Amino acid sequence: MNSISKANGFLPRLRLLVVLLAVLGLAGCGPEDGSDPSSGKQPPAQTEPAPPVTVDTVEFKPDTSDEFQRIHRHLPDGTKVSMRIDYRDGSSREEFYRPDGTVKEMKEFHAVVDKLKSVTKFDAKGEPVSRESYRINGVLESETEFLQDSSKKVTTYRMDGKRLHSVSIEREDGTTSTTYFRRDGKTLWAKAEWANAREVVVEYFDDKGVHVQTREVDSNNRDITVFDPTGKALYKQHWDGYWNPTSTYYYYQSYQLETVEEFEDDGVTLKRRIYLERYSNNRVTKVEYFEDGNLVREQELNRNGSVSSDKTLKDDGTWETNSNPLSDLKPDPIDSDRFDEPSYQDPLVNAPNNFL
């Protein structure tokens, strides 16, 4: 074979080798991670390290205990992670710890259904910071904020877990201030000031947010003041009764209206006080008249409503009795509607309808 034939056979093989090297060279170009820039895909993210292995220890409780068992979870070095307490009624509680062993969070679960009931968070000193409570259907019921002055702010929601029902400030001395809202979660319904569990002053507002009456309730009595649309007091009822020992708010239906006080146009100065006989279907027994808030006249009445005694206070402080015939004398007109308990909707009653 001559040299020309050898050259003709070698050149095609050389060209093929060059092409292969070029292709291999291009394949080697690009990011070192092997990704294809033209594809727009990024290399897979680095995987997170696996969580540390934990060890669970079950502690069974005696039959006499309310607890069924405790499940302690800790790291291999003994550091506490969490503890779950299962109670015999089906409820449970779980505590989560910081590395130093202090409780950072506690969860409670409803009995049987094992649904979250509350979540409480704690600071590094072990003091509660906040709490969220949930109804059995999983809807938010209330939020509690533990304030630095040892008081608590409790926000309660209606059944949807969104609209406000009330906001309370519970103080360390036992007093509580609560604001209630109507179904829209915005319109003012009532304001209550609790001196203790059985003494409360409640301001009620109509569906437009206008103050219409105030009720002062204690263990034995209640006073109801009715206001006009401008906010001036019209009259005040005093009812005598006693507390229902099975409730923190209800009265037995045995209380009786004793007096009705009427005010001047300023809504403050006492004008007249009307006395009623107990268990007598609101029979008026006596009427007192005032000037500039001072008692100036007193009338006692017969059963038929006529005046049996009429006395006027003189400047020297003594009483002057009217000696004229009194058979036809009657007191100034009295509005009997003021003897009826004014109607109202009470948000203090823990009834399901109040949370709809």
Foldseek 3Di string as FASTA:
>chain_A
DDPVVVVVVVVVVVVVVVVVVVVVVVCPDDDPVNDDVVVVDDDDDDDDDDDADKDWDKAADDPVDQWGIKIWIAGPVRFTAKMKTAGPQQKIKMFGADSVGATAKMWIADGPVRHTAKIWGADPVNHTAKMWGADNVGATAWIWGQDPQRWIWIWGAFPNNPATAKIKIQHPQAWMWMWGAAPNSPATAKIWIGPHLFWIKMFGAPPNNATAWIWTTGAFKIKIWGADRVGATAKIWIKTFGPDPVDSYDTDPQIATAKMWGADPRNPATAKIWGADHPPLGQTAKMFGDDRNHTFKIFGADSVQWTPWIWGQDPVGDIDTDPPDGRPHHDDDDDCVSRDDDDGDDLVDPDSVSRD
